[in-house]
Amino acid sequence: MTGKHPMHDLPHRFQRWLTESALPLWWEHGADHEHGGYHELLGLDGIAPPDTDRRARVQSRQSYTYAVAGACGWNGPWRQAAQHGIDYLIRHYRQSDGEFCTLVSARGEVLDRSCLLYDQAFALLAMAAVFQVLPQRTDLRDAAHALFDRILEKRRHGKGGFVETGANRFYVNPHMHLLEALLAWRDNEPGTVWDAYADHIVELCRTKFIDAKGGFLREHFDENWLPAPGDRGHVVEPGHQFEWSWLLARWAKLRADGDALAAARRLFDHGLRGVDPGRDAAVHAMNDRFEVTQPSARLWAQTERIKSALILAEAGDERLTAEAARAAKCLWRYLETPLAGLWRDKFEPDGSFVEEPAPASSFYHIILSINALNRAVEAL
């Protein structure tokens, strides 16, 4: 390739931000070193708002982030940081049946005993990542198997897939993160139950979640895996087109399945239909006529655009390297905060960012996109 490569200098800039600013900051100030666990938010001054309630998913995601940082060679206190979150999760959120509740107070008191499939998926993902880098933590392997046994016992749906807790029972997003967790455990223990249920979710995605005619993915369904009634059945999120594309492409590589890879490419193209050309940012939501319904552009959707573009480029569609570079330049705008290592979450149609504390839950998305950029450059 002649000329300046689209990825020139981008990964180095992100990696330096990650290792020198974000990972140290979120360990020093994002972890609660007095009571345990991780704060939900950091103000743009780097200080956590006091007494903020804590979702289970944040503990899982922060544990995952630091385990991945260790796997990728960060020389900071990743072992301590990864275990700081996962041990707090097990101590304060795990219920008597092995599932994890959704919310505790800043002092670790249970506020909501609801156990969401979404949160179980992230608990599985975190346990997989920590076990991979700390294989002596066999308690995490045992807990993951017990948790998945409970999911199979409690949540399997007769028409495929799994049932979420609450009113929104047939929701695609928990399946996406469950697939992510199954693939992570499959890396630790290939050829087991993890593989079988990853295959199951991929098949459900290809036959039910993805519109048979349009090739795009819907969010909400009824008990027959038909689009949910009303406006909910028409919701299409660009970020989830990208995220499912990334997962399907990963699975397609494992199974050498060309049809799944083609489906991933179609999802990616539909995700691009939600990129606002003025901001070069993926908006939050559209309808199934691809009309924008929620124009705010969340940070996480930009990371998924990067990951999807790069895995498809690796699979042969090299034009998408330039697309990933554009998405990365957009993502960088979210990270340009007065105190390095933080981020903004919502990019508005007028070109401004919402001034609010940085949500810890975004870090997991960011580190995965940076790792994807690093791998892309290493492969050149």
Protein backbone atom coordinates (compact mmCIF):
# COMPACT_ATOMS: atom_id res chain seq x y z
CA MET A 1 0.00 0.00 0.00
CA THR A 2 1.39 3.40 -0.96
CA GLY A 3 1.02 6.66 0.92
CA LYS A 4 0.23 7.17 4.57
CA HIS A 5 -1.65 4.23 6.06
CA PRO A 6 -5.10 5.11 7.50
CA MET A 7 -4.01 3.77 10.90
CA HIS A 8 -0.85 5.86 11.05
CA ASP A 9 -0.20 7.05 14.65
CA LEU A 10 -3.76 6.35 15.85
CA PRO A 11 -3.10 3.24 17.96
CA HIS A 12 -0.05 4.77 19.63
CA ARG A 13 -2.06 7.82 20.69
CA PHE A 14 -4.84 5.67 22.14
CA GLN A 15 -2.44 3.24 23.83
CA ARG A 16 -0.56 6.03 25.52
CA TRP A 17 -3.85 7.54 26.75
CA LEU A 18 -4.90 4.12 28.05
CA THR A 19 -1.74 3.10 29.87
CA GLU A 20 -0.50 6.46 31.12
CA SER A 21 -3.81 8.12 31.98
CA ALA A 22 -7.00 6.04 31.98
CA LEU A 23 -5.92 2.80 33.67
CA PRO A 24 -4.04 4.58 36.50
CA LEU A 25 -6.80 7.15 37.00
CA TRP A 26 -9.67 4.66 37.20
CA TRP A 27 -7.71 2.49 39.64
CA GLU A 28 -6.62 5.39 41.84
CA HIS A 29 -9.92 7.30 41.83
CA GLY A 30 -12.48 4.98 40.19
CA ALA A 31 -11.96 2.19 42.71
CA ASP A 32 -13.38 2.56 46.20
CA HIS A 33 -10.35 1.69 48.29
CA GLU A 34 -12.25 2.10 51.54
CA HIS A 35 -15.38 0.01 50.99
CA GLY A 36 -14.39 -2.08 47.97
CA GLY A 37 -15.67 -2.25 44.42
CA TYR A 38 -15.79 0.46 41.79
CA HIS A 39 -17.60 3.76 41.60
CA GLU A 40 -20.22 4.21 38.89
CA LEU A 41 -18.94 7.61 37.81
CA LEU A 42 -16.03 9.99 37.94
CA GLY A 43 -16.61 13.70 37.64
CA LEU A 44 -14.61 15.54 35.01
CA ASP A 45 -12.37 16.63 37.90
CA GLY A 46 -11.58 12.95 38.58
CA ILE A 47 -13.62 12.80 41.80
CA ALA A 48 -16.40 10.26 42.27
CA PRO A 49 -19.80 11.74 43.20
CA PRO A 50 -20.58 10.62 46.77
CA ASP A 51 -22.90 7.73 47.62
CA THR A 52 -23.82 6.73 44.07
CA ASP A 53 -25.60 3.38 43.83
CA ARG A 54 -23.66 0.65 42.01
CA ARG A 55 -24.85 -1.62 39.25
CA ALA A 56 -23.52 -5.15 39.04
CA ARG A 57 -22.48 -4.63 35.42
CA VAL A 58 -20.01 -1.89 36.41
CA GLN A 59 -18.18 -4.20 38.83
CA SER A 60 -18.00 -6.87 36.13
CA ARG A 61 -16.89 -4.49 33.39
CA GLN A 62 -14.15 -2.87 35.46
CA SER A 63 -12.84 -6.29 36.51
CA TYR A 64 -12.84 -7.33 32.88
CA THR A 65 -11.05 -4.13 31.82
CA TYR A 66 -8.17 -4.63 34.21
CA ALA A 67 -7.86 -8.34 33.40
CA VAL A 68 -7.62 -7.46 29.71
CA ALA A 69 -5.09 -4.73 30.52
CA GLY A 70 -2.95 -7.35 32.25
CA ALA A 71 -3.28 -9.77 29.34
CA CYS A 72 -2.12 -6.99 27.01
CA GLY A 73 0.98 -6.18 29.03
CA TRP A 74 0.08 -3.20 31.20
CA ASN A 75 2.59 -3.13 34.02
CA GLY A 76 0.30 -1.42 36.52
CA PRO A 77 -1.53 -3.18 39.40
CA TRP A 78 -3.89 -5.08 37.10
CA ARG A 79 -4.06 -8.21 39.29
CA GLN A 80 -5.19 -6.22 42.30
CA ALA A 81 -7.60 -4.13 40.22
CA ALA A 82 -9.21 -7.09 38.45
CA GLN A 83 -9.75 -8.99 41.69
CA HIS A 84 -10.91 -5.86 43.51
CA GLY A 85 -14.02 -5.78 41.33
CA ILE A 86 -14.79 -9.46 40.88
CA ASP A 87 -14.44 -10.22 44.59
CA TYR A 88 -16.72 -7.30 45.47
CA LEU A 89 -19.25 -8.56 42.93
CA ILE A 90 -19.27 -12.05 44.44
CA ARG A 91 -19.39 -10.75 47.99
CA HIS A 92 -22.21 -8.23 47.61
CA TYR A 93 -24.30 -9.23 44.58
CA ARG A 94 -24.36 -13.04 44.49
CA GLN A 95 -27.67 -14.46 45.68
CA SER A 96 -28.35 -17.83 47.28
CA ASP A 97 -29.17 -19.45 43.91
CA GLY A 98 -25.86 -18.31 42.36
CA GLU A 99 -27.25 -15.47 40.23
CA PHE A 100 -26.21 -11.85 40.72
CA CYS A 101 -28.60 -9.07 41.69
CA THR A 102 -28.54 -5.79 39.84
CA LEU A 103 -27.94 -2.97 42.35
CA VAL A 104 -26.30 -2.25 45.71
CA SER A 105 -25.62 0.95 47.61
CA ALA A 106 -22.22 2.60 47.94
CA ARG A 107 -21.90 0.66 51.22
CA GLY A 108 -22.72 -2.67 49.61
CA GLU A 109 -26.32 -3.00 50.81
CA VAL A 110 -28.62 -4.71 48.30
CA LEU A 111 -31.11 -2.22 46.85
CA ASP A 112 -32.61 -4.32 44.06
CA ARG A 113 -32.59 -8.13 44.20
CA SER A 114 -33.74 -8.45 40.58
CA CYS A 115 -31.39 -10.74 38.69
CA LEU A 116 -31.12 -9.68 35.05
CA LEU A 117 -29.82 -11.94 32.33
CA TYR A 118 -27.82 -8.92 31.16
CA ASP A 119 -25.95 -8.82 34.47
CA GLN A 120 -25.38 -12.59 34.51
CA ALA A 121 -23.76 -12.27 31.09
CA PHE A 122 -21.31 -9.67 32.35
CA ALA A 123 -20.53 -11.68 35.47
CA LEU A 124 -19.66 -14.62 33.20
CA LEU A 125 -17.54 -12.38 30.98
CA ALA A 126 -15.59 -10.94 33.89
CA MET A 127 -14.98 -14.35 35.43
CA ALA A 128 -13.70 -15.64 32.08
CA ALA A 129 -11.26 -12.75 31.69
CA VAL A 130 -9.93 -12.90 35.24
CA PHE A 131 -9.60 -16.69 35.15
CA GLN A 132 -7.70 -16.47 31.87
CA VAL A 133 -4.99 -14.27 33.38
CA LEU A 134 -5.17 -15.74 36.90
CA PRO A 135 -5.77 -19.47 36.33
CA GLN A 136 -5.21 -20.17 40.02
CA ARG A 137 -8.63 -18.62 40.60
CA THR A 138 -10.42 -21.91 40.00
CA ASP A 139 -13.23 -20.61 42.20
CA LEU A 140 -14.18 -18.31 39.32
CA ARG A 141 -14.34 -21.22 36.89
CA ASP A 142 -16.53 -23.15 39.31
CA ALA A 143 -18.77 -20.12 39.92
CA ALA A 144 -19.15 -19.56 36.17
CA HIS A 145 -20.25 -23.13 35.56
CA ALA A 146 -22.70 -22.96 38.46
CA LEU A 147 -24.08 -19.67 37.17
CA PHE A 148 -24.54 -20.95 33.64
CA ASP A 149 -26.23 -24.10 34.95
CA ARG A 150 -28.64 -21.82 36.78
CA ILE A 151 -29.26 -19.77 33.62
CA LEU A 152 -30.06 -22.94 31.69
CA GLU A 153 -32.36 -24.15 34.44
CA LYS A 154 -34.19 -20.87 34.97
CA ARG A 155 -34.15 -18.92 31.71
CA ARG A 156 -34.24 -21.21 28.67
CA HIS A 157 -37.13 -20.35 26.37
CA GLY A 158 -39.02 -23.11 24.60
CA LYS A 159 -38.73 -21.32 21.25
CA GLY A 160 -35.01 -20.72 21.53
CA GLY A 161 -32.81 -18.36 23.46
CA PHE A 162 -33.30 -17.09 26.98
CA VAL A 163 -35.79 -14.99 28.90
CA GLU A 164 -34.85 -11.70 30.55
CA THR A 165 -36.25 -10.66 33.93
CA GLY A 166 -39.00 -8.05 33.98
CA ALA A 167 -41.43 -6.76 31.37
CA ASN A 168 -38.95 -6.72 28.47
CA ARG A 169 -38.52 -10.50 28.47
CA PHE A 170 -37.58 -11.15 24.85
CA TYR A 171 -34.78 -8.67 24.42
CA VAL A 172 -31.84 -9.13 22.08
CA ASN A 173 -29.18 -7.21 24.00
CA PRO A 174 -28.70 -9.74 26.85
CA HIS A 175 -28.21 -12.46 24.23
CA MET A 176 -25.47 -10.40 22.61
CA HIS A 177 -23.52 -10.11 25.83
CA LEU A 178 -24.20 -13.73 26.72
CA LEU A 179 -22.68 -14.72 23.37
CA GLU A 180 -19.69 -12.52 24.16
CA ALA A 181 -19.27 -14.29 27.51
CA LEU A 182 -19.67 -17.73 25.95
CA LEU A 183 -16.97 -16.97 23.41
CA ALA A 184 -14.69 -15.77 26.22
CA TRP A 185 -15.23 -18.99 28.17
CA ARG A 186 -14.82 -20.98 24.97
CA ASP A 187 -11.30 -19.54 24.72
CA ASN A 188 -10.59 -21.01 28.17
CA GLU A 189 -12.43 -24.32 27.69
CA PRO A 190 -13.01 -25.10 24.00
CA GLY A 191 -15.28 -27.91 22.87
CA THR A 192 -17.62 -27.74 25.86
CA VAL A 193 -21.01 -26.34 26.79
CA TRP A 194 -19.77 -22.84 25.97
CA ASP A 195 -19.34 -23.75 22.28
CA ALA A 196 -22.73 -25.41 22.05
CA TYR A 197 -24.66 -22.43 23.39
CA ALA A 198 -22.61 -19.91 21.41
CA ASP A 199 -23.73 -21.83 18.31
CA HIS A 200 -27.31 -21.73 19.59
CA ILE A 201 -27.35 -17.94 20.05
CA VAL A 202 -25.73 -17.35 16.68
CA GLU A 203 -28.40 -19.48 15.03
CA LEU A 204 -31.14 -17.56 16.85
CA CYS A 205 -29.58 -14.30 15.73
CA ARG A 206 -29.38 -15.39 12.10
CA THR A 207 -32.92 -16.78 11.97
CA LYS A 208 -34.88 -14.49 14.30
CA PHE A 209 -33.05 -11.35 15.45
CA ILE A 210 -31.91 -10.36 11.95
CA ASP A 211 -34.73 -9.31 9.62
CA ALA A 212 -34.98 -11.96 6.90
CA LYS A 213 -35.56 -9.45 4.11
CA GLY A 214 -33.56 -6.45 5.23
CA GLY A 215 -30.57 -8.07 6.91
CA PHE A 216 -30.65 -5.63 9.86
CA LEU A 217 -31.09 -6.54 13.51
CA ARG A 218 -34.06 -5.56 15.69
CA GLU A 219 -33.96 -5.10 19.46
CA HIS A 220 -37.33 -6.19 20.87
CA PHE A 221 -39.48 -9.27 20.24
CA ASP A 222 -42.49 -11.18 21.50
CA GLU A 223 -42.46 -14.72 22.88
CA ASN A 224 -42.47 -16.17 19.34
CA TRP A 225 -39.39 -14.14 18.39
CA LEU A 226 -41.51 -11.94 16.13
CA PRO A 227 -41.03 -8.15 16.27
CA ALA A 228 -42.59 -6.71 19.42
CA PRO A 229 -45.85 -4.78 18.96
CA GLY A 230 -45.78 -1.02 18.68
CA ASP A 231 -42.77 1.22 18.25
CA ARG A 232 -40.51 -1.14 20.22
CA GLY A 233 -40.61 -3.70 17.43
CA HIS A 234 -39.22 -1.15 14.97
CA VAL A 235 -36.17 -0.05 17.00
CA VAL A 236 -32.80 -0.43 15.24
CA GLU A 237 -29.61 0.64 17.04
CA PRO A 238 -26.57 1.33 14.84
CA GLY A 239 -24.17 0.46 17.66
CA HIS A 240 -25.73 -2.99 18.02
CA GLN A 241 -25.52 -3.61 14.28
CA PHE A 242 -21.77 -3.08 14.68
CA GLU A 243 -21.47 -5.07 17.90
CA TRP A 244 -23.37 -8.09 16.57
CA SER A 245 -21.34 -7.82 13.37
CA TRP A 246 -18.15 -8.11 15.42
CA LEU A 247 -19.46 -11.13 17.31
CA LEU A 248 -20.74 -12.90 14.19
CA ALA A 249 -17.41 -12.31 12.45
CA ARG A 250 -15.58 -13.81 15.45
CA TRP A 251 -17.86 -16.83 15.40
CA ALA A 252 -17.58 -17.14 11.61
CA LYS A 253 -13.80 -17.32 11.93
CA LEU A 254 -14.04 -20.09 14.52
CA ARG A 255 -16.49 -22.09 12.41
CA ALA A 256 -15.19 -21.14 8.94
CA ASP A 257 -18.75 -20.10 8.13
CA GLY A 258 -18.95 -17.83 5.10
CA ASP A 259 -22.67 -17.20 5.47
CA ALA A 260 -22.22 -15.86 9.00
CA LEU A 261 -19.44 -13.59 7.76
CA ALA A 262 -21.72 -12.29 5.00
CA ALA A 263 -24.42 -11.58 7.60
CA ALA A 264 -21.83 -9.69 9.67
CA ARG A 265 -20.96 -7.54 6.65
CA ARG A 266 -24.62 -6.71 6.06
CA LEU A 267 -25.07 -5.70 9.68
CA PHE A 268 -22.04 -3.45 9.45
CA ASP A 269 -23.45 -1.73 6.37
CA HIS A 270 -26.74 -1.15 8.18
CA GLY A 271 -24.84 0.32 11.11
CA LEU A 272 -23.24 2.81 8.74
CA ARG A 273 -26.73 4.01 7.82
CA GLY A 274 -26.88 5.41 11.36
CA VAL A 275 -23.65 7.42 11.09
CA ASP A 276 -24.43 11.12 11.01
CA PRO A 277 -22.18 12.63 8.32
CA GLY A 278 -21.93 15.97 10.10
CA ARG A 279 -20.41 14.49 13.25
CA ASP A 280 -19.14 11.27 11.62
CA ALA A 281 -20.67 9.57 14.66
CA ALA A 282 -23.13 6.70 15.01
CA VAL A 283 -26.42 7.90 16.49
CA HIS A 284 -28.13 6.02 19.26
CA ALA A 285 -31.26 4.74 17.51
CA MET A 286 -33.23 4.60 14.27
CA ASN A 287 -36.41 2.85 13.19
CA ASP A 288 -36.60 0.07 10.64
CA ARG A 289 -37.02 2.63 7.86
CA PHE A 290 -33.58 3.93 8.95
CA GLU A 291 -34.98 7.25 10.12
CA VAL A 292 -33.11 8.64 13.11
CA THR A 293 -35.21 8.57 16.28
CA GLN A 294 -32.51 9.29 18.90
CA PRO A 295 -29.81 11.52 17.40
CA SER A 296 -27.49 11.69 20.41
CA ALA A 297 -24.34 9.69 19.65
CA ARG A 298 -23.20 7.56 22.60
CA LEU A 299 -19.51 6.76 23.07
CA TRP A 300 -19.96 2.98 23.08
CA ALA A 301 -21.41 2.88 19.56
CA GLN A 302 -18.25 4.48 18.16
CA THR A 303 -16.08 1.77 19.75
CA GLU A 304 -18.21 -0.95 18.19
CA ARG A 305 -17.86 0.68 14.78
CA ILE A 306 -14.08 0.43 15.16
CA LYS A 307 -14.13 -3.22 16.26
CA SER A 308 -16.51 -4.34 13.55
CA ALA A 309 -14.68 -2.50 10.77
CA LEU A 310 -11.34 -3.97 11.78
CA ILE A 311 -12.46 -7.58 12.14
CA LEU A 312 -14.14 -7.40 8.72
CA ALA A 313 -11.01 -5.80 7.26
CA GLU A 314 -9.01 -8.69 8.69
CA ALA A 315 -11.45 -11.08 6.99
CA GLY A 316 -10.66 -9.54 3.61
CA ASP A 317 -12.58 -6.29 3.27
CA GLU A 318 -9.54 -4.00 3.44
CA ARG A 319 -11.50 -0.86 2.52
CA LEU A 320 -12.87 -0.94 6.05
CA THR A 321 -9.47 -0.06 7.54
CA ALA A 322 -10.12 3.52 6.48
CA GLU A 323 -13.62 3.31 7.98
CA ALA A 324 -12.10 2.18 11.29
CA ALA A 325 -9.69 5.12 11.19
CA ARG A 326 -12.58 7.54 10.74
CA ALA A 327 -14.42 5.96 13.65
CA ALA A 328 -11.28 6.15 15.79
CA LYS A 329 -10.86 9.85 15.05
CA CYS A 330 -14.45 10.35 16.13
CA LEU A 331 -13.87 8.37 19.32
CA TRP A 332 -10.86 10.49 20.16
CA ARG A 333 -13.11 13.53 20.41
CA TYR A 334 -14.92 11.86 23.34
CA LEU A 335 -11.58 11.40 25.14
CA GLU A 336 -10.43 15.02 24.87
CA THR A 337 -11.22 15.97 28.45
CA PRO A 338 -9.41 18.52 30.64
CA LEU A 339 -8.19 15.68 32.87
CA ALA A 340 -6.69 12.95 30.69
CA GLY A 341 -8.10 9.47 31.21
CA LEU A 342 -11.76 10.43 31.35
CA TRP A 343 -14.37 10.64 28.61
CA ARG A 344 -17.64 12.18 27.60
CA ASP A 345 -20.55 9.92 26.74
CA LYS A 346 -23.09 11.85 24.66
CA PHE A 347 -22.28 13.76 21.47
CA GLU A 348 -25.23 15.97 20.56
CA PRO A 349 -26.55 16.95 17.11
CA ASP A 350 -25.31 20.53 17.56
CA GLY A 351 -21.73 19.27 17.92
CA SER A 352 -21.55 19.69 21.71
CA PHE A 353 -20.94 17.05 24.35
CA VAL A 354 -23.15 16.70 27.41
CA GLU A 355 -21.24 17.92 30.45
CA GLU A 356 -21.69 15.17 33.03
CA PRO A 357 -19.56 12.68 34.98
CA ALA A 358 -17.80 9.96 33.01
CA PRO A 359 -19.58 6.58 33.34
CA ALA A 360 -17.29 3.72 34.37
CA SER A 361 -19.35 1.35 32.22
CA SER A 362 -17.77 2.79 29.04
CA PHE A 363 -14.24 1.65 29.88
CA TYR A 364 -14.84 -1.94 28.78
CA HIS A 365 -15.91 -0.72 25.34
CA ILE A 366 -12.93 1.60 25.04
CA ILE A 367 -10.22 -0.92 25.94
CA LEU A 368 -11.57 -3.47 23.46
CA SER A 369 -11.53 -0.92 20.63
CA ILE A 370 -7.97 0.15 21.51
CA ASN A 371 -6.84 -3.48 21.50
CA ALA A 372 -8.47 -3.93 18.09
CA LEU A 373 -6.53 -0.92 16.78
CA ASN A 374 -3.29 -2.30 18.21
CA ARG A 375 -3.82 -5.70 16.59
CA ALA A 376 -4.61 -4.10 13.25
CA VAL A 377 -1.30 -2.25 13.24
CA GLU A 378 0.63 -5.32 14.39
CA ALA A 379 -0.80 -7.22 11.42
CA LEU A 380 0.47 -4.68 8.85
